């Protein structure tokens, strides 16, 4: 399920990803969910951005959270 986030002036994709998804390295998920706005570098105020649902870390088993060489 997706939620919407209203931007403030000057926000960038990586800032939204860090705030809403927990890390800026998930910015690609925001871009995929907002394909028509992918060319925006800095947002103006009050633009609605779709934010995909964040998978909870609690749903992963301890073995799944380890790197492959430690499993």
PDB file of N, CA and C in Angstrom:
ATOM      1  N   UNK A   1       0.844  -1.173   0.000  1.00  0.00           N
ATOM      2  CA  UNK A   1       0.000   0.000   0.000  1.00  0.00           C
ATOM      3  C   UNK A   1       0.892   1.241   0.000  1.00  0.00           C
ATOM      4  N   UNK A   2       0.520   2.201  -0.783  1.00  0.00           N
ATOM      5  CA  UNK A   2       1.296   3.429  -0.878  1.00  0.00           C
ATOM      6  C   UNK A   2       0.651   4.529  -0.062  1.00  0.00           C
ATOM      7  N   UNK A   3       1.492   5.415   0.420  1.00  0.00           N
ATOM      8  CA  UNK A   3       0.995   6.607   1.089  1.00  0.00           C
ATOM      9  C   UNK A   3       1.508   7.812   0.316  1.00  0.00           C
ATOM     10  N   UNK A   4       0.975   8.960   0.599  1.00  0.00           N
ATOM     11  CA  UNK A   4       1.409  10.184  -0.060  1.00  0.00           C
ATOM     12  C   UNK A   4       2.136  11.068   0.932  1.00  0.00           C
ATOM     13  N   UNK A   5       3.100  11.801   0.418  1.00  0.00           N
ATOM     14  CA  UNK A   5       3.897  12.724   1.205  1.00  0.00           C
ATOM     15  C   UNK A   5       3.879  14.053   0.478  1.00  0.00           C
ATOM     16  N   UNK A   6       3.562  15.128   1.172  1.00  0.00           N
ATOM     17  CA  UNK A   6       3.585  16.463   0.582  1.00  0.00           C
ATOM     18  C   UNK A   6       4.924  17.110   0.874  1.00  0.00           C
ATOM     19  N   UNK A   7       5.569  17.562  -0.187  1.00  0.00           N
ATOM     20  CA  UNK A   7       6.914  18.118  -0.071  1.00  0.00           C
ATOM     21  C   UNK A   7       6.902  19.542   0.475  1.00  0.00           C
ATOM     22  N   UNK A   8       8.042  19.943   0.962  1.00  0.00           N
ATOM     23  CA  UNK A   8       8.293  21.342   1.284  1.00  0.00           C
ATOM     24  C   UNK A   8       9.312  21.845   0.271  1.00  0.00           C
ATOM     25  N   UNK A   9       9.382  23.120   0.099  1.00  0.00           N
ATOM     26  CA  UNK A   9      10.257  23.686  -0.918  1.00  0.00           C
ATOM     27  C   UNK A   9      11.711  23.328  -0.652  1.00  0.00           C
ATOM     28  N   UNK A  10      12.398  22.867  -1.704  1.00  0.00           N
ATOM     29  CA  UNK A  10      13.816  22.576  -1.616  1.00  0.00           C
ATOM     30  C   UNK A  10      14.165  21.125  -1.324  1.00  0.00           C
ATOM     31  N   UNK A  11      13.183  20.261  -1.075  1.00  0.00           N
ATOM     32  CA  UNK A  11      13.477  18.849  -0.814  1.00  0.00           C
ATOM     33  C   UNK A  11      13.929  18.152  -2.092  1.00  0.00           C
ATOM     34  N   UNK A  12      14.830  17.200  -1.947  1.00  0.00           N
ATOM     35  CA  UNK A  12      15.307  16.373  -3.058  1.00  0.00           C
ATOM     36  C   UNK A  12      14.876  14.924  -2.807  1.00  0.00           C
ATOM     37  N   UNK A  13      14.980  14.104  -3.844  1.00  0.00           N
ATOM     38  CA  UNK A  13      14.557  12.708  -3.745  1.00  0.00           C
ATOM     39  C   UNK A  13      15.268  11.955  -2.622  1.00  0.00           C
ATOM     40  N   UNK A  14      16.571  12.161  -2.489  1.00  0.00           N
ATOM     41  CA  UNK A  14      17.309  11.413  -1.468  1.00  0.00           C
ATOM     42  C   UNK A  14      16.884  11.813  -0.061  1.00  0.00           C
ATOM     43  N   UNK A  15      16.522  13.074   0.131  1.00  0.00           N
ATOM     44  CA  UNK A  15      16.054  13.521   1.449  1.00  0.00           C
ATOM     45  C   UNK A  15      14.713  12.885   1.792  1.00  0.00           C
ATOM     46  N   UNK A  16      13.827  12.796   0.810  1.00  0.00           N
ATOM     47  CA  UNK A  16      12.523  12.169   1.033  1.00  0.00           C
ATOM     48  C   UNK A  16      12.708  10.688   1.339  1.00  0.00           C
ATOM     49  N   UNK A  17      13.592  10.020   0.587  1.00  0.00           N
ATOM     50  CA  UNK A  17      13.844   8.598   0.829  1.00  0.00           C
ATOM     51  C   UNK A  17      14.389   8.363   2.229  1.00  0.00           C
ATOM     52  N   UNK A  18      15.329   9.198   2.663  1.00  0.00           N
ATOM     53  CA  UNK A  18      15.906   9.039   4.005  1.00  0.00           C
ATOM     54  C   UNK A  18      14.844   9.241   5.076  1.00  0.00           C
ATOM     55  N   UNK A  19      14.002  10.257   4.896  1.00  0.00           N
ATOM     56  CA  UNK A  19      12.975  10.567   5.897  1.00  0.00           C
ATOM     57  C   UNK A  19      11.854   9.531   5.925  1.00  0.00           C
ATOM     58  N   UNK A  20      11.395   9.110   4.752  1.00  0.00           N
ATOM     59  CA  UNK A  20      10.213   8.251   4.691  1.00  0.00           C
ATOM     60  C   UNK A  20      10.525   6.759   4.604  1.00  0.00           C
ATOM     61  N   UNK A  21      11.688   6.395   4.020  1.00  0.00           N
ATOM     62  CA  UNK A  21      12.018   4.984   3.828  1.00  0.00           C
ATOM     63  C   UNK A  21      13.187   4.527   4.689  1.00  0.00           C
ATOM     64  N   UNK A  22      13.815   5.462   5.409  1.00  0.00           N
ATOM     65  CA  UNK A  22      14.860   5.097   6.344  1.00  0.00           C
ATOM     66  C   UNK A  22      16.280   5.225   5.815  1.00  0.00           C
ATOM     67  N   UNK A  23      16.451   5.271   4.504  1.00  0.00           N
ATOM     68  CA  UNK A  23      17.783   5.404   3.915  1.00  0.00           C
ATOM     69  C   UNK A  23      17.678   6.023   2.533  1.00  0.00           C
ATOM     70  N   UNK A  24      18.659   6.821   2.187  1.00  0.00           N
ATOM     71  CA  UNK A  24      18.664   7.448   0.872  1.00  0.00           C
ATOM     72  C   UNK A  24      18.959   6.444  -0.244  1.00  0.00           C
ATOM     73  N   UNK A  25      19.444   5.265   0.104  1.00  0.00           N
ATOM     74  CA  UNK A  25      19.756   4.239  -0.881  1.00  0.00           C
ATOM     75  C   UNK A  25      18.505   3.562  -1.437  1.00  0.00           C
ATOM     76  N   UNK A  26      17.323   3.933  -0.943  1.00  0.00           N
ATOM     77  CA  UNK A  26      16.059   3.414  -1.469  1.00  0.00           C
ATOM     78  C   UNK A  26      15.354   4.448  -2.342  1.00  0.00           C
ATOM     79  N   UNK A  27      16.111   5.446  -2.782  1.00  0.00           N
ATOM     80  CA  UNK A  27      15.567   6.502  -3.623  1.00  0.00           C
ATOM     81  C   UNK A  27      14.969   5.936  -4.907  1.00  0.00           C
ATOM     82  N   UNK A  28      15.549   4.867  -5.438  1.00  0.00           N
ATOM     83  CA  UNK A  28      15.041   4.266  -6.674  1.00  0.00           C
ATOM     84  C   UNK A  28      13.595   3.795  -6.528  1.00  0.00           C
ATOM     85  N   UNK A  29      13.181   3.413  -5.321  1.00  0.00           N
ATOM     86  CA  UNK A  29      11.800   2.999  -5.094  1.00  0.00           C
ATOM     87  C   UNK A  29      10.854   4.184  -5.226  1.00  0.00           C
ATOM     88  N   UNK A  30      11.288   5.343  -4.737  1.00  0.00           N
ATOM     89  CA  UNK A  30      10.482   6.556  -4.898  1.00  0.00           C
ATOM     90  C   UNK A  30      10.364   6.937  -6.369  1.00  0.00           C
ATOM     91  N   UNK A  31      11.468   6.869  -7.089  1.00  0.00           N
ATOM     92  CA  UNK A  31      11.449   7.217  -8.505  1.00  0.00           C
ATOM     93  C   UNK A  31      10.535   6.283  -9.295  1.00  0.00           C
ATOM     94  N   UNK A  32      10.548   5.009  -8.972  1.00  0.00           N
ATOM     95  CA  UNK A  32       9.673   4.044  -9.647  1.00  0.00           C
ATOM     96  C   UNK A  32       8.205   4.333  -9.370  1.00  0.00           C
ATOM     97  N   UNK A  33       7.905   4.777  -8.168  1.00  0.00           N
ATOM     98  CA  UNK A  33       6.521   5.064  -7.789  1.00  0.00           C
ATOM     99  C   UNK A  33       6.045   6.416  -8.319  1.00  0.00           C
ATOM    100  N   UNK A  34       6.963   7.278  -8.742  1.00  0.00           N
ATOM    101  CA  UNK A  34       6.631   8.628  -9.207  1.00  0.00           C
ATOM    102  C   UNK A  34       7.310   8.898 -10.547  1.00  0.00           C
ATOM    103  N   UNK A  35       7.064   8.037 -11.513  1.00  0.00           N
ATOM    104  CA  UNK A  35       7.773   8.060 -12.780  1.00  0.00           C
ATOM    105  C   UNK A  35       7.658   9.402 -13.509  1.00  0.00           C
ATOM    106  N   UNK A  36       6.499  10.042 -13.441  1.00  0.00           N
ATOM    107  CA  UNK A  36       6.300  11.303 -14.163  1.00  0.00           C
ATOM    108  C   UNK A  36       7.102  12.451 -13.559  1.00  0.00           C
ATOM    109  N   UNK A  37       7.500  12.338 -12.324  1.00  0.00           N
ATOM    110  CA  UNK A  37       8.257  13.405 -11.652  1.00  0.00           C
ATOM    111  C   UNK A  37       9.750  13.102 -11.568  1.00  0.00           C
ATOM    112  N   UNK A  38      10.217  12.103 -12.268  1.00  0.00           N
ATOM    113  CA  UNK A  38      11.615  11.665 -12.137  1.00  0.00           C
ATOM    114  C   UNK A  38      12.619  12.729 -12.541  1.00  0.00           C
ATOM    115  N   UNK A  39      12.220  13.699 -13.346  1.00  0.00           N
ATOM    116  CA  UNK A  39      13.134  14.745 -13.785  1.00  0.00           C
ATOM    117  C   UNK A  39      13.282  15.899 -12.807  1.00  0.00           C
ATOM    118  N   UNK A  40      12.531  15.871 -11.721  1.00  0.00           N
ATOM    119  CA  UNK A  40      12.589  16.943 -10.726  1.00  0.00           C
ATOM    120  C   UNK A  40      13.838  16.774  -9.863  1.00  0.00           C
ATOM    121  N   UNK A  41      14.616  17.825  -9.743  1.00  0.00           N
ATOM    122  CA  UNK A  41      15.805  17.773  -8.890  1.00  0.00           C
ATOM    123  C   UNK A  41      15.461  18.247  -7.480  1.00  0.00           C
ATOM    124  N   UNK A  42      14.880  19.442  -7.382  1.00  0.00           N
ATOM    125  CA  UNK A  42      14.418  19.995  -6.104  1.00  0.00           C
ATOM    126  C   UNK A  42      12.937  20.314  -6.230  1.00  0.00           C
ATOM    127  N   UNK A  43      12.175  19.878  -5.249  1.00  0.00           N
ATOM    128  CA  UNK A  43      10.731  20.080  -5.289  1.00  0.00           C
ATOM    129  C   UNK A  43      10.354  21.476  -4.821  1.00  0.00           C
ATOM    130  N   UNK A  44       9.274  21.976  -5.391  1.00  0.00           N
ATOM    131  CA  UNK A  44       8.653  23.176  -4.838  1.00  0.00           C
ATOM    132  C   UNK A  44       7.725  22.707  -3.718  1.00  0.00           C
ATOM    133  N   UNK A  45       7.110  23.607  -3.039  1.00  0.00           N
ATOM    134  CA  UNK A  45       6.281  23.231  -1.902  1.00  0.00           C
ATOM    135  C   UNK A  45       4.965  22.593  -2.291  1.00  0.00           C
ATOM    136  N   UNK A  46       4.464  21.726  -1.427  1.00  0.00           N
ATOM    137  CA  UNK A  46       3.147  21.105  -1.501  1.00  0.00           C
ATOM    138  C   UNK A  46       2.931  20.272  -2.763  1.00  0.00           C
ATOM    139  N   UNK A  47       3.926  19.486  -3.149  1.00  0.00           N
ATOM    140  CA  UNK A  47       3.807  18.522  -4.244  1.00  0.00           C
ATOM    141  C   UNK A  47       3.590  17.154  -3.609  1.00  0.00           C
ATOM    142  N   UNK A  48       2.590  16.428  -4.108  1.00  0.00           N
ATOM    143  CA  UNK A  48       2.291  15.113  -3.560  1.00  0.00           C
ATOM    144  C   UNK A  48       3.196  14.059  -4.201  1.00  0.00           C
ATOM    145  N   UNK A  49       3.904  13.299  -3.367  1.00  0.00           N
ATOM    146  CA  UNK A  49       4.810  12.236  -3.812  1.00  0.00           C
ATOM    147  C   UNK A  49       4.301  10.923  -3.230  1.00  0.00           C
ATOM    148  N   UNK A  50       4.135   9.921  -4.090  1.00  0.00           N
ATOM    149  CA  UNK A  50       3.719   8.597  -3.623  1.00  0.00           C
ATOM    150  C   UNK A  50       4.907   7.896  -2.982  1.00  0.00           C
ATOM    151  N   UNK A  51       4.688   7.345  -1.800  1.00  0.00           N
ATOM    152  CA  UNK A  51       5.748   6.650  -1.064  1.00  0.00           C
ATOM    153  C   UNK A  51       5.338   5.182  -0.925  1.00  0.00           C
ATOM    154  N   UNK A  52       6.141   4.253  -1.481  1.00  0.00           N
ATOM    155  CA  UNK A  52       5.797   2.838  -1.360  1.00  0.00           C
ATOM    156  C   UNK A  52       5.900   2.356   0.081  1.00  0.00           C
ATOM    157  N   UNK A  53       5.203   1.277   0.364  1.00  0.00           N
ATOM    158  CA  UNK A  53       5.221   0.710   1.709  1.00  0.00           C
ATOM    159  C   UNK A  53       6.611   0.202   2.053  1.00  0.00           C
ATOM    160  N   UNK A  54       7.024   0.442   3.269  1.00  0.00           N
ATOM    161  CA  UNK A  54       8.331   0.019   3.742  1.00  0.00           C
ATOM    162  C   UNK A  54       8.213  -1.369   4.342  1.00  0.00           C
ATOM    163  N   UNK A  55       9.056  -2.286   3.870  1.00  0.00           N
ATOM    164  CA  UNK A  55       9.095  -3.626   4.450  1.00  0.00           C
ATOM    165  C   UNK A  55       9.712  -3.531   5.828  1.00  0.00           C
ATOM    166  N   UNK A  56       9.045  -4.081   6.796  1.00  0.00           N
ATOM    167  CA  UNK A  56       9.517  -4.024   8.173  1.00  0.00           C
ATOM    168  C   UNK A  56      10.706  -4.953   8.378  1.00  0.00           C
ATOM    169  N   UNK A  57      11.714  -4.471   9.079  1.00  0.00           N
ATOM    170  CA  UNK A  57      12.865  -5.307   9.414  1.00  0.00           C
ATOM    171  C   UNK A  57      12.467  -6.407  10.394  1.00  0.00           C
ATOM    172  N   UNK A  58      11.392  -6.204  11.136  1.00  0.00           N
ATOM    173  CA  UNK A  58      10.972  -7.192  12.129  1.00  0.00           C
ATOM    174  C   UNK A  58      10.444  -8.460  11.465  1.00  0.00           C
ATOM    175  N   UNK A  59      10.025  -8.400  10.191  1.00  0.00           N
ATOM    176  CA  UNK A  59       9.494  -9.576   9.524  1.00  0.00           C
ATOM    177  C   UNK A  59      10.596 -10.512   9.048  1.00  0.00           C
ATOM    178  N   UNK A  60      11.821 -10.044   9.012  1.00  0.00           N
ATOM    179  CA  UNK A  60      12.930 -10.887   8.585  1.00  0.00           C
ATOM    180  C   UNK A  60      13.417 -11.744   9.743  1.00  0.00           C
ATOM    181  N   UNK A  61      13.774 -12.973   9.407  1.00  0.00           N
ATOM    182  CA  UNK A  61      14.358 -13.835  10.434  1.00  0.00           C
ATOM    183  C   UNK A  61      15.801 -13.401  10.656  1.00  0.00           C
ATOM    184  N   UNK A  62      16.389 -13.749  11.799  1.00  0.00           N
ATOM    185  CA  UNK A  62      17.781 -13.360  12.052  1.00  0.00           C
ATOM    186  C   UNK A  62      18.743 -13.848  10.973  1.00  0.00           C
ATOM    187  N   UNK A  63      18.497 -15.040  10.418  1.00  0.00           N
ATOM    188  CA  UNK A  63      19.389 -15.572   9.383  1.00  0.00           C
ATOM    189  C   UNK A  63      19.298 -14.748   8.105  1.00  0.00           C
ATOM    190  N   UNK A  64      18.116 -14.226   7.783  1.00  0.00           N
ATOM    191  CA  UNK A  64      17.929 -13.426   6.570  1.00  0.00           C
ATOM    192  C   UNK A  64      18.611 -12.076   6.667  1.00  0.00           C
ATOM    193  N   UNK A  65      18.800 -11.572   7.867  1.00  0.00           N
ATOM    194  CA  UNK A  65      19.428 -10.268   8.035  1.00  0.00           C
ATOM    195  C   UNK A  65      20.956 -10.342   7.994  1.00  0.00           C
ATOM    196  N   UNK A  66      21.496 -11.575   8.028  1.00  0.00           N
ATOM    197  CA  UNK A  66      22.949 -11.745   7.944  1.00  0.00           C
ATOM    198  C   UNK A  66      23.404 -11.677   6.485  1.00  0.00           C
ATOM    199  N   UNK A  67      24.618 -11.241   6.252  1.00  0.00           N
ATOM    200  CA  UNK A  67      25.143 -11.300   4.884  1.00  0.00           C
ATOM    201  C   UNK A  67      25.283 -12.754   4.424  1.00  0.00           C
ATOM    202  N   UNK A  68      25.263 -13.009   3.117  1.00  0.00           N
ATOM    203  CA  UNK A  68      25.271 -14.399   2.626  1.00  0.00           C
ATOM    204  C   UNK A  68      26.422 -15.247   3.139  1.00  0.00           C
ATOM    205  N   UNK A  69      27.597 -14.667   3.323  1.00  0.00           N
ATOM    206  CA  UNK A  69      28.741 -15.469   3.754  1.00  0.00           C
ATOM    207  C   UNK A  69      28.673 -15.863   5.239  1.00  0.00           C
ATOM    208  N   UNK A  70      27.729 -15.293   5.996  1.00  0.00           N
ATOM    209  CA  UNK A  70      27.592 -15.656   7.403  1.00  0.00           C
ATOM    210  C   UNK A  70      26.378 -16.552   7.661  1.00  0.00           C
ATOM    211  N   UNK A  71      25.610 -16.857   6.641  1.00  0.00           N
ATOM    212  CA  UNK A  71      24.416 -17.690   6.825  1.00  0.00           C
ATOM    213  C   UNK A  71      24.770 -19.141   6.963  1.00  0.00           C
TER     214      UNK A  71
END
